């Protein structure tokens, strides 16, 4: 566990053999998650590895039983689904193994991962509240943004009253931090 400013972060790594959680050996390729997001990712990974993988294997076996595989669209579709599922398993497994668990914090003095931030966009003349989470927990339709997004990255570490510059693909713009909760 380390303390970064006012934020305490637990660096966790899931051991592939034992399932035990320990400290991350390297700071590269870390994926910030809340405890709930970490548990949800582990649950999704288990589902993909057990239930979905077995369903796909059954579909492949069924398609094989229909004979000639060279012109079997059902077989091709099942194999494509299998490849996509295996890719998702590899990606999610990597994220779980390199998870950095963000402990909930009551600190409202500075923007941190896990905080909700109300900002005013002078250019658009609107107030918006964002929740800043790690990349695995984003939900843009509900204003849950990543710490790596242009807005999230610009807000991190700032305080109420600060004006931050967001470096977006369409050009820079400013947001004023109204409230941190």
N, C-alpha and C. Protein backbone atom coordinates (compact mmCIF):
# COMPACT_ATOMS: atom_id res chain seq x y z
N UNK A 1 0.85 -1.17 0.00
CA UNK A 1 0.00 0.00 0.00
C UNK A 1 0.90 1.23 0.00
N UNK A 2 0.56 2.22 -0.83
CA UNK A 2 1.30 3.47 -0.84
C UNK A 2 0.31 4.62 -0.74
N UNK A 3 0.81 5.76 -0.37
CA UNK A 3 -0.04 6.93 -0.28
C UNK A 3 0.43 7.93 -1.33
N UNK A 4 -0.50 8.38 -2.16
CA UNK A 4 -0.19 9.34 -3.21
C UNK A 4 -0.99 10.60 -2.88
N UNK A 5 -0.31 11.60 -2.32
CA UNK A 5 -1.03 12.78 -1.90
C UNK A 5 -2.02 12.38 -0.82
N UNK A 6 -3.28 12.64 -1.04
CA UNK A 6 -4.33 12.31 -0.08
C UNK A 6 -5.01 10.99 -0.41
N UNK A 7 -4.51 10.29 -1.42
CA UNK A 7 -5.18 9.08 -1.90
C UNK A 7 -4.36 7.87 -1.49
N UNK A 8 -5.02 6.89 -0.90
CA UNK A 8 -4.34 5.65 -0.56
C UNK A 8 -4.75 4.61 -1.58
N UNK A 9 -3.76 3.93 -2.15
CA UNK A 9 -4.01 2.95 -3.20
C UNK A 9 -3.38 1.63 -2.79
N UNK A 10 -4.13 0.54 -2.94
CA UNK A 10 -3.57 -0.78 -2.73
C UNK A 10 -3.19 -1.35 -4.07
N UNK A 11 -1.95 -1.79 -4.21
CA UNK A 11 -1.51 -2.42 -5.45
C UNK A 11 -1.69 -3.91 -5.28
N UNK A 12 -2.58 -4.48 -6.08
CA UNK A 12 -2.92 -5.88 -5.93
C UNK A 12 -2.59 -6.64 -7.20
N UNK A 13 -2.16 -7.86 -7.03
CA UNK A 13 -1.94 -8.72 -8.17
C UNK A 13 -2.48 -10.09 -7.84
N UNK A 14 -3.26 -10.65 -8.74
CA UNK A 14 -3.86 -11.95 -8.55
C UNK A 14 -2.86 -12.99 -9.05
N UNK A 15 -2.44 -13.90 -8.18
CA UNK A 15 -1.52 -14.96 -8.56
C UNK A 15 -2.27 -16.00 -9.37
N UNK A 16 -1.81 -16.26 -10.59
CA UNK A 16 -2.51 -17.16 -11.51
C UNK A 16 -2.62 -18.59 -10.95
N UNK A 17 -1.59 -19.07 -10.25
CA UNK A 17 -1.62 -20.44 -9.76
C UNK A 17 -2.50 -20.59 -8.52
N UNK A 18 -2.36 -19.67 -7.56
CA UNK A 18 -3.03 -19.84 -6.28
C UNK A 18 -4.29 -19.02 -6.14
N UNK A 19 -4.43 -17.99 -6.96
CA UNK A 19 -5.56 -17.09 -6.81
C UNK A 19 -5.34 -16.08 -5.69
N UNK A 20 -4.18 -16.17 -5.03
CA UNK A 20 -3.87 -15.25 -3.94
C UNK A 20 -3.59 -13.86 -4.50
N UNK A 21 -3.81 -12.88 -3.68
CA UNK A 21 -3.56 -11.50 -4.10
C UNK A 21 -2.33 -11.00 -3.37
N UNK A 22 -1.42 -10.38 -4.10
CA UNK A 22 -0.20 -9.83 -3.52
C UNK A 22 0.14 -8.51 -4.19
N UNK A 23 1.28 -7.96 -3.86
CA UNK A 23 1.67 -6.68 -4.44
C UNK A 23 2.09 -6.82 -5.89
N UNK A 24 1.85 -5.79 -6.67
CA UNK A 24 2.26 -5.77 -8.07
C UNK A 24 3.77 -5.57 -8.12
N UNK A 25 4.45 -6.36 -8.94
CA UNK A 25 5.90 -6.24 -9.04
C UNK A 25 6.32 -5.06 -9.89
N UNK A 26 5.54 -4.70 -10.86
CA UNK A 26 5.90 -3.64 -11.79
C UNK A 26 4.78 -2.61 -11.85
N UNK A 27 5.13 -1.37 -12.09
CA UNK A 27 4.13 -0.32 -12.17
C UNK A 27 3.55 -0.22 -13.59
N UNK A 28 4.08 -1.00 -14.54
CA UNK A 28 3.61 -0.94 -15.92
C UNK A 28 2.28 -1.69 -16.06
N UNK A 29 1.45 -1.25 -16.97
CA UNK A 29 0.20 -1.91 -17.30
C UNK A 29 -0.66 -2.19 -16.07
N UNK A 30 -0.98 -1.15 -15.35
CA UNK A 30 -1.87 -1.28 -14.20
C UNK A 30 -3.27 -0.85 -14.62
N UNK A 31 -4.25 -1.52 -14.05
CA UNK A 31 -5.64 -1.22 -14.36
C UNK A 31 -6.33 -0.88 -13.05
N UNK A 32 -6.71 0.39 -12.90
CA UNK A 32 -7.34 0.85 -11.68
C UNK A 32 -8.78 0.38 -11.63
N UNK A 33 -9.16 -0.21 -10.49
CA UNK A 33 -10.51 -0.71 -10.31
C UNK A 33 -10.94 -0.49 -8.86
N UNK A 34 -12.24 -0.27 -8.68
CA UNK A 34 -12.77 -0.30 -7.33
C UNK A 34 -12.85 -1.75 -6.91
N UNK A 35 -13.05 -1.99 -5.65
CA UNK A 35 -13.20 -3.37 -5.16
C UNK A 35 -14.36 -4.06 -5.89
N UNK A 36 -15.47 -3.32 -6.07
CA UNK A 36 -16.64 -3.88 -6.75
C UNK A 36 -16.34 -4.19 -8.21
N UNK A 37 -15.61 -3.30 -8.86
CA UNK A 37 -15.24 -3.51 -10.26
C UNK A 37 -14.31 -4.70 -10.42
N UNK A 38 -13.41 -4.87 -9.45
CA UNK A 38 -12.49 -6.01 -9.47
C UNK A 38 -13.26 -7.32 -9.31
N UNK A 39 -14.18 -7.34 -8.37
CA UNK A 39 -14.98 -8.56 -8.14
C UNK A 39 -15.85 -8.86 -9.37
N UNK A 40 -16.41 -7.82 -9.99
CA UNK A 40 -17.23 -8.03 -11.19
C UNK A 40 -16.38 -8.56 -12.34
N UNK A 41 -15.16 -8.05 -12.48
CA UNK A 41 -14.26 -8.52 -13.54
C UNK A 41 -13.89 -9.98 -13.32
N UNK A 42 -13.61 -10.36 -12.07
CA UNK A 42 -13.30 -11.76 -11.76
C UNK A 42 -14.50 -12.66 -12.07
N UNK A 43 -15.69 -12.19 -11.73
CA UNK A 43 -16.91 -12.97 -11.99
C UNK A 43 -17.13 -13.14 -13.50
N UNK A 44 -16.94 -12.07 -14.25
CA UNK A 44 -17.10 -12.12 -15.72
C UNK A 44 -16.06 -13.06 -16.33
N UNK A 45 -14.83 -13.00 -15.83
CA UNK A 45 -13.77 -13.88 -16.32
C UNK A 45 -14.12 -15.34 -16.06
N UNK A 46 -14.61 -15.63 -14.88
CA UNK A 46 -15.00 -17.01 -14.56
C UNK A 46 -16.13 -17.48 -15.47
N UNK A 47 -17.11 -16.60 -15.73
CA UNK A 47 -18.21 -16.94 -16.63
C UNK A 47 -17.69 -17.26 -18.04
N UNK A 48 -16.81 -16.41 -18.55
CA UNK A 48 -16.26 -16.62 -19.90
C UNK A 48 -15.46 -17.92 -19.98
N UNK A 49 -14.71 -18.22 -18.93
CA UNK A 49 -13.86 -19.41 -18.93
C UNK A 49 -14.63 -20.70 -18.74
N UNK A 50 -15.76 -20.64 -18.07
CA UNK A 50 -16.49 -21.86 -17.76
C UNK A 50 -17.75 -21.99 -18.61
N UNK A 51 -18.74 -21.17 -18.34
CA UNK A 51 -20.06 -21.29 -18.97
C UNK A 51 -20.00 -21.00 -20.47
N UNK A 52 -19.51 -19.82 -20.83
CA UNK A 52 -19.54 -19.45 -22.25
C UNK A 52 -18.62 -20.34 -23.08
N UNK A 53 -17.45 -20.65 -22.56
CA UNK A 53 -16.52 -21.52 -23.28
C UNK A 53 -17.17 -22.87 -23.55
N UNK A 54 -17.85 -23.44 -22.56
CA UNK A 54 -18.52 -24.74 -22.71
C UNK A 54 -19.66 -24.66 -23.73
N UNK A 55 -20.41 -23.57 -23.71
CA UNK A 55 -21.50 -23.40 -24.68
C UNK A 55 -20.96 -23.37 -26.10
N UNK A 56 -19.87 -22.68 -26.30
CA UNK A 56 -19.27 -22.58 -27.64
C UNK A 56 -18.74 -23.94 -28.09
N UNK A 57 -18.11 -24.66 -27.20
CA UNK A 57 -17.60 -26.00 -27.53
C UNK A 57 -18.76 -26.90 -27.96
N UNK A 58 -19.89 -26.80 -27.27
CA UNK A 58 -21.07 -27.59 -27.66
C UNK A 58 -21.55 -27.22 -29.06
N UNK A 59 -21.58 -25.91 -29.37
CA UNK A 59 -22.01 -25.46 -30.70
C UNK A 59 -21.05 -25.95 -31.79
N UNK A 60 -19.78 -25.95 -31.49
CA UNK A 60 -18.79 -26.45 -32.45
C UNK A 60 -19.00 -27.95 -32.69
N UNK A 61 -19.20 -28.69 -31.62
CA UNK A 61 -19.44 -30.13 -31.75
C UNK A 61 -20.70 -30.42 -32.55
N UNK A 62 -21.75 -29.65 -32.31
CA UNK A 62 -23.01 -29.81 -33.05
C UNK A 62 -22.80 -29.51 -34.52
N UNK A 63 -22.07 -28.44 -34.81
CA UNK A 63 -21.82 -28.06 -36.20
C UNK A 63 -20.97 -29.11 -36.91
N UNK A 64 -20.01 -29.68 -36.20
CA UNK A 64 -19.17 -30.74 -36.77
C UNK A 64 -19.99 -31.96 -37.14
N UNK A 65 -21.00 -32.23 -36.36
CA UNK A 65 -21.82 -33.42 -36.61
C UNK A 65 -22.64 -33.30 -37.89
N UNK A 66 -22.70 -32.10 -38.45
CA UNK A 66 -23.46 -31.88 -39.67
C UNK A 66 -22.66 -32.20 -40.93
N UNK A 67 -21.43 -32.65 -40.75
CA UNK A 67 -20.65 -33.10 -41.91
C UNK A 67 -19.63 -32.10 -42.40
N UNK A 68 -19.56 -31.90 -43.71
CA UNK A 68 -18.54 -31.10 -44.40
C UNK A 68 -18.35 -29.73 -43.75
N UNK A 69 -17.15 -29.52 -43.19
CA UNK A 69 -16.85 -28.26 -42.50
C UNK A 69 -16.49 -27.13 -43.45
N UNK A 70 -16.11 -27.46 -44.68
CA UNK A 70 -15.67 -26.43 -45.61
C UNK A 70 -16.80 -25.49 -46.02
N UNK A 71 -18.02 -25.94 -45.95
CA UNK A 71 -19.16 -25.09 -46.33
C UNK A 71 -20.18 -25.01 -45.20
N UNK A 72 -19.71 -25.08 -43.98
CA UNK A 72 -20.59 -25.11 -42.82
C UNK A 72 -20.54 -23.75 -42.12
N UNK A 73 -21.53 -22.90 -42.39
CA UNK A 73 -21.57 -21.55 -41.83
C UNK A 73 -21.73 -21.59 -40.31
N UNK A 74 -22.47 -22.56 -39.82
CA UNK A 74 -22.68 -22.70 -38.38
C UNK A 74 -21.35 -22.99 -37.67
N UNK A 75 -20.53 -23.84 -38.27
CA UNK A 75 -19.22 -24.16 -37.72
C UNK A 75 -18.31 -22.93 -37.74
N UNK A 76 -18.29 -22.22 -38.86
CA UNK A 76 -17.47 -21.01 -38.97
C UNK A 76 -17.88 -19.96 -37.93
N UNK A 77 -19.18 -19.79 -37.76
CA UNK A 77 -19.68 -18.80 -36.79
C UNK A 77 -19.27 -19.18 -35.37
N UNK A 78 -19.38 -20.48 -35.04
CA UNK A 78 -19.00 -20.94 -33.70
C UNK A 78 -17.50 -20.78 -33.47
N UNK A 79 -16.70 -21.07 -34.47
CA UNK A 79 -15.24 -20.91 -34.34
C UNK A 79 -14.87 -19.43 -34.18
N UNK A 80 -15.56 -18.54 -34.92
CA UNK A 80 -15.31 -17.10 -34.78
C UNK A 80 -15.69 -16.63 -33.37
N UNK A 81 -16.82 -17.14 -32.87
CA UNK A 81 -17.25 -16.78 -31.52
C UNK A 81 -16.24 -17.30 -30.49
N UNK A 82 -15.71 -18.49 -30.73
CA UNK A 82 -14.71 -19.06 -29.84
C UNK A 82 -13.46 -18.17 -29.81
N UNK A 83 -13.02 -17.73 -30.98
CA UNK A 83 -11.84 -16.86 -31.04
C UNK A 83 -12.08 -15.54 -30.30
N UNK A 84 -13.26 -14.97 -30.48
CA UNK A 84 -13.59 -13.72 -29.80
C UNK A 84 -13.64 -13.92 -28.29
N UNK A 85 -14.23 -15.01 -27.85
CA UNK A 85 -14.32 -15.32 -26.42
C UNK A 85 -12.92 -15.51 -25.82
N UNK A 86 -12.08 -16.26 -26.51
CA UNK A 86 -10.73 -16.49 -26.00
C UNK A 86 -9.94 -15.18 -25.93
N UNK A 87 -10.14 -14.30 -26.90
CA UNK A 87 -9.49 -12.99 -26.86
C UNK A 87 -9.95 -12.17 -25.67
N UNK A 88 -11.25 -12.22 -25.41
CA UNK A 88 -11.80 -11.49 -24.27
C UNK A 88 -11.28 -12.07 -22.95
N UNK A 89 -11.15 -13.39 -22.89
CA UNK A 89 -10.60 -14.04 -21.69
C UNK A 89 -9.17 -13.58 -21.44
N UNK A 90 -8.34 -13.59 -22.48
CA UNK A 90 -6.95 -13.17 -22.33
C UNK A 90 -6.86 -11.73 -21.83
N UNK A 91 -7.65 -10.85 -22.44
CA UNK A 91 -7.63 -9.43 -22.07
C UNK A 91 -8.10 -9.22 -20.63
N UNK A 92 -9.22 -9.83 -20.27
CA UNK A 92 -9.76 -9.65 -18.93
C UNK A 92 -8.86 -10.28 -17.88
N UNK A 93 -8.29 -11.44 -18.18
CA UNK A 93 -7.37 -12.10 -17.26
C UNK A 93 -6.16 -11.21 -16.99
N UNK A 94 -5.63 -10.59 -18.04
CA UNK A 94 -4.49 -9.69 -17.90
C UNK A 94 -4.85 -8.50 -17.00
N UNK A 95 -6.04 -7.95 -17.20
CA UNK A 95 -6.47 -6.80 -16.39
C UNK A 95 -6.65 -7.19 -14.93
N UNK A 96 -7.24 -8.36 -14.68
CA UNK A 96 -7.44 -8.81 -13.31
C UNK A 96 -6.09 -9.05 -12.63
N UNK A 97 -5.17 -9.67 -13.35
CA UNK A 97 -3.84 -9.95 -12.78
C UNK A 97 -3.05 -8.68 -12.50
N UNK A 98 -3.36 -7.61 -13.21
CA UNK A 98 -2.63 -6.35 -13.05
C UNK A 98 -3.51 -5.25 -12.46
N UNK A 99 -4.49 -5.67 -11.68
CA UNK A 99 -5.44 -4.72 -11.09
C UNK A 99 -4.80 -3.94 -9.96
N UNK A 100 -5.14 -2.67 -9.91
CA UNK A 100 -4.78 -1.81 -8.78
C UNK A 100 -6.12 -1.45 -8.14
N UNK A 101 -6.32 -1.96 -6.92
CA UNK A 101 -7.59 -1.76 -6.24
C UNK A 101 -7.58 -0.39 -5.57
N UNK A 102 -8.57 0.41 -5.90
CA UNK A 102 -8.71 1.74 -5.32
C UNK A 102 -9.63 1.62 -4.12
N UNK A 103 -9.10 1.92 -2.95
CA UNK A 103 -9.91 1.90 -1.74
C UNK A 103 -10.79 3.15 -1.72
N UNK A 104 -12.02 2.98 -1.28
CA UNK A 104 -12.93 4.12 -1.21
C UNK A 104 -12.37 5.16 -0.26
N UNK A 105 -12.52 6.41 -0.63
CA UNK A 105 -11.98 7.51 0.16
C UNK A 105 -13.06 8.56 0.36
N UNK A 106 -13.08 9.11 1.54
CA UNK A 106 -14.02 10.20 1.85
C UNK A 106 -13.39 11.56 1.54
N UNK A 107 -12.17 11.57 1.06
CA UNK A 107 -11.44 12.81 0.78
C UNK A 107 -12.11 13.56 -0.37
N UNK A 108 -12.54 14.77 -0.09
CA UNK A 108 -13.16 15.61 -1.12
C UNK A 108 -12.32 16.85 -1.41
N UNK A 109 -11.07 16.83 -0.95
CA UNK A 109 -10.23 18.01 -1.15
C UNK A 109 -9.55 18.01 -2.52
N UNK A 110 -9.43 16.83 -3.13
CA UNK A 110 -8.74 16.71 -4.40
C UNK A 110 -9.43 15.65 -5.25
N UNK A 111 -9.40 15.83 -6.56
CA UNK A 111 -10.00 14.86 -7.47
C UNK A 111 -9.11 13.63 -7.53
N UNK A 112 -9.72 12.47 -7.33
CA UNK A 112 -9.00 11.20 -7.37
C UNK A 112 -9.89 10.15 -8.03
N UNK A 113 -9.29 9.00 -8.36
CA UNK A 113 -10.08 7.92 -8.94
C UNK A 113 -11.08 7.47 -7.89
N UNK A 114 -12.32 7.35 -8.30
CA UNK A 114 -13.40 6.99 -7.39
C UNK A 114 -14.23 8.20 -6.98
N UNK A 115 -13.77 9.40 -7.29
CA UNK A 115 -14.48 10.62 -6.91
C UNK A 115 -15.53 10.98 -7.95
N UNK A 116 -16.56 11.68 -7.48
CA UNK A 116 -17.53 12.32 -8.38
C UNK A 116 -17.18 13.80 -8.41
N UNK A 117 -17.16 14.37 -9.61
CA UNK A 117 -16.72 15.75 -9.78
C UNK A 117 -17.75 16.51 -10.61
N UNK A 118 -18.23 17.61 -10.06
CA UNK A 118 -19.15 18.47 -10.79
C UNK A 118 -18.33 19.61 -11.38
N UNK A 119 -18.46 19.80 -12.70
CA UNK A 119 -17.69 20.82 -13.40
C UNK A 119 -18.62 21.73 -14.20
N UNK A 120 -18.13 22.93 -14.46
CA UNK A 120 -18.87 23.87 -15.29
C UNK A 120 -18.07 24.10 -16.56
N UNK A 121 -18.72 23.90 -17.70
CA UNK A 121 -18.11 24.13 -19.01
C UNK A 121 -18.64 25.48 -19.50
N UNK A 122 -17.80 26.50 -19.43
CA UNK A 122 -18.21 27.86 -19.81
C UNK A 122 -18.61 27.93 -21.28
N UNK A 123 -17.84 27.26 -22.13
CA UNK A 123 -18.10 27.28 -23.57
C UNK A 123 -19.48 26.70 -23.91
N UNK A 124 -19.85 25.60 -23.25
CA UNK A 124 -21.14 24.95 -23.51
C UNK A 124 -22.23 25.48 -22.58
N UNK A 125 -21.83 26.29 -21.60
CA UNK A 125 -22.73 26.84 -20.60
C UNK A 125 -23.56 25.75 -19.92
N UNK A 126 -22.83 24.71 -19.42
CA UNK A 126 -23.54 23.63 -18.74
C UNK A 126 -22.69 23.08 -17.59
N UNK A 127 -23.40 22.52 -16.62
CA UNK A 127 -22.78 21.87 -15.48
C UNK A 127 -22.99 20.36 -15.63
N UNK A 128 -21.92 19.59 -15.42
CA UNK A 128 -21.97 18.14 -15.58
C UNK A 128 -21.25 17.50 -14.40
N UNK A 129 -21.77 16.38 -13.93
CA UNK A 129 -21.10 15.62 -12.88
C UNK A 129 -20.55 14.33 -13.48
N UNK A 130 -19.25 14.11 -13.27
CA UNK A 130 -18.58 12.89 -13.75
C UNK A 130 -18.13 12.07 -12.55
N UNK A 131 -18.17 10.77 -12.68
CA UNK A 131 -17.52 9.86 -11.74
C UNK A 131 -16.27 9.36 -12.44
N UNK A 132 -15.14 9.46 -11.78
CA UNK A 132 -13.88 9.04 -12.39
C UNK A 132 -13.50 7.66 -11.87
N UNK A 133 -13.39 6.72 -12.79
CA UNK A 133 -13.05 5.34 -12.45
C UNK A 133 -11.89 4.87 -13.33
N UNK A 134 -11.46 3.65 -13.12
CA UNK A 134 -10.45 3.05 -13.97
C UNK A 134 -11.05 2.66 -15.31
N UNK A 135 -10.21 2.27 -16.24
CA UNK A 135 -10.65 1.98 -17.61
C UNK A 135 -11.62 0.81 -17.70
N UNK A 136 -11.61 -0.09 -16.74
CA UNK A 136 -12.48 -1.26 -16.82
C UNK A 136 -13.91 -0.99 -16.35
N UNK A 137 -14.15 0.17 -15.75
CA UNK A 137 -15.47 0.46 -15.17
C UNK A 137 -16.20 1.62 -15.83
N UNK A 138 -15.74 2.06 -16.98
CA UNK A 138 -16.36 3.22 -17.62
C UNK A 138 -17.78 2.93 -18.10
N UNK A 139 -18.59 3.96 -18.06
CA UNK A 139 -19.97 3.91 -18.56
C UNK A 139 -20.32 5.32 -19.02
N UNK A 140 -19.88 5.70 -20.23
CA UNK A 140 -20.04 7.08 -20.70
C UNK A 140 -21.49 7.55 -20.72
N UNK A 141 -22.43 6.64 -20.92
CA UNK A 141 -23.85 7.04 -20.96
C UNK A 141 -24.32 7.55 -19.59
N UNK A 142 -23.62 7.16 -18.53
CA UNK A 142 -23.97 7.59 -17.18
C UNK A 142 -22.88 8.49 -16.57
N UNK A 143 -22.06 9.09 -17.44
CA UNK A 143 -21.00 10.01 -17.03
C UNK A 143 -19.96 9.38 -16.10
N UNK A 144 -19.74 8.08 -16.25
CA UNK A 144 -18.66 7.41 -15.54
C UNK A 144 -17.51 7.34 -16.54
N UNK A 145 -16.46 8.11 -16.26
CA UNK A 145 -15.36 8.24 -17.21
C UNK A 145 -14.07 7.65 -16.65
N UNK A 146 -13.15 7.37 -17.53
CA UNK A 146 -11.86 6.78 -17.18
C UNK A 146 -10.89 7.84 -16.69
N UNK A 147 -10.01 7.42 -15.80
CA UNK A 147 -8.92 8.29 -15.36
C UNK A 147 -7.97 8.60 -16.52
N UNK A 148 -8.02 7.79 -17.59
CA UNK A 148 -7.16 8.00 -18.75
C UNK A 148 -7.83 8.81 -19.86
N UNK A 149 -9.13 9.09 -19.72
CA UNK A 149 -9.82 9.90 -20.72
C UNK A 149 -9.31 11.33 -20.63
N UNK A 150 -9.49 12.12 -21.69
CA UNK A 150 -9.01 13.51 -21.63
C UNK A 150 -9.58 14.30 -20.44
N UNK A 151 -10.88 14.14 -20.17
CA UNK A 151 -11.48 14.87 -19.05
C UNK A 151 -10.97 14.32 -17.72
N UNK A 152 -10.99 12.99 -17.58
CA UNK A 152 -10.53 12.38 -16.34
C UNK A 152 -9.09 12.73 -16.02
N UNK A 153 -8.22 12.63 -17.00
CA UNK A 153 -6.80 12.94 -16.79
C UNK A 153 -6.60 14.40 -16.42
N UNK A 154 -7.38 15.30 -17.03
CA UNK A 154 -7.24 16.73 -16.74
C UNK A 154 -7.70 17.06 -15.31
N UNK A 155 -8.72 16.35 -14.81
CA UNK A 155 -9.28 16.65 -13.50
C UNK A 155 -8.46 16.09 -12.34
N UNK A 156 -7.81 14.95 -12.54
CA UNK A 156 -7.10 14.29 -11.45
C UNK A 156 -6.10 15.21 -10.77
N UNK A 157 -6.13 15.21 -9.43
CA UNK A 157 -5.17 15.98 -8.65
C UNK A 157 -5.55 17.43 -8.42
N UNK A 158 -6.64 17.89 -9.01
CA UNK A 158 -7.05 19.29 -8.85
C UNK A 158 -8.10 19.44 -7.75
N UNK A 159 -8.33 20.68 -7.35
CA UNK A 159 -9.22 20.99 -6.23
C UNK A 159 -10.42 21.81 -6.68
N UNK A 160 -11.40 21.90 -5.80
CA UNK A 160 -12.58 22.73 -6.06
C UNK A 160 -12.13 24.16 -6.35
N UNK A 161 -12.70 24.74 -7.40
CA UNK A 161 -12.35 26.10 -7.80
C UNK A 161 -11.30 26.16 -8.89
N UNK A 162 -10.54 25.08 -9.08
CA UNK A 162 -9.52 25.05 -10.13
C UNK A 162 -10.17 25.04 -11.51
N UNK A 163 -9.50 25.67 -12.46
CA UNK A 163 -9.90 25.59 -13.86
C UNK A 163 -8.85 24.72 -14.54
N UNK A 164 -9.33 23.66 -15.21
CA UNK A 164 -8.41 22.73 -15.87
C UNK A 164 -8.60 22.81 -17.38
N UNK A 165 -7.54 22.52 -18.11
CA UNK A 165 -7.61 22.49 -19.56
C UNK A 165 -7.67 21.04 -20.01
N UNK A 166 -8.71 20.71 -20.76
CA UNK A 166 -8.89 19.37 -21.29
C UNK A 166 -8.30 19.34 -22.69
N UNK A 167 -7.37 18.46 -22.92
CA UNK A 167 -6.74 18.32 -24.23
C UNK A 167 -7.48 17.21 -24.98
N UNK A 168 -8.48 17.62 -25.74
CA UNK A 168 -9.33 16.68 -26.47
C UNK A 168 -8.94 16.63 -27.94
N UNK A 169 -9.29 15.55 -28.63
CA UNK A 169 -8.97 15.43 -30.06
C UNK A 169 -9.52 16.59 -30.91
N UNK A 170 -10.68 17.12 -30.50
CA UNK A 170 -11.29 18.23 -31.25
C UNK A 170 -10.75 19.59 -30.85
N UNK A 171 -9.83 19.63 -29.91
CA UNK A 171 -9.26 20.90 -29.45
C UNK A 171 -9.39 21.04 -27.95
N UNK A 172 -8.59 21.93 -27.40
CA UNK A 172 -8.58 22.15 -25.96
C UNK A 172 -9.79 22.96 -25.51
N UNK A 173 -10.24 22.68 -24.27
CA UNK A 173 -11.30 23.49 -23.67
C UNK A 173 -11.12 23.45 -22.15
N UNK A 174 -11.78 24.37 -21.45
CA UNK A 174 -11.59 24.48 -20.01
C UNK A 174 -12.84 24.08 -19.24
N UNK A 175 -12.60 23.49 -18.08
CA UNK A 175 -13.67 23.13 -17.14
C UNK A 175 -13.31 23.69 -15.78
N UNK A 176 -14.29 24.22 -15.06
CA UNK A 176 -14.08 24.71 -13.71
C UNK A 176 -14.67 23.68 -12.74
N UNK A 177 -13.90 23.27 -11.76
CA UNK A 177 -14.35 22.28 -10.79
C UNK A 177 -15.23 23.00 -9.76
N UNK A 178 -16.49 22.59 -9.69
CA UNK A 178 -17.48 23.18 -8.79
C UNK A 178 -17.55 22.42 -7.48
N UNK A 179 -17.52 21.08 -7.55
CA UNK A 179 -17.70 20.25 -6.35
C UNK A 179 -17.01 18.91 -6.54
N UNK A 180 -16.42 18.41 -5.46
CA UNK A 180 -15.83 17.06 -5.44
C UNK A 180 -16.54 16.27 -4.35
N UNK A 181 -17.03 15.12 -4.70
CA UNK A 181 -17.69 14.28 -3.67
C UNK A 181 -17.32 12.83 -3.86
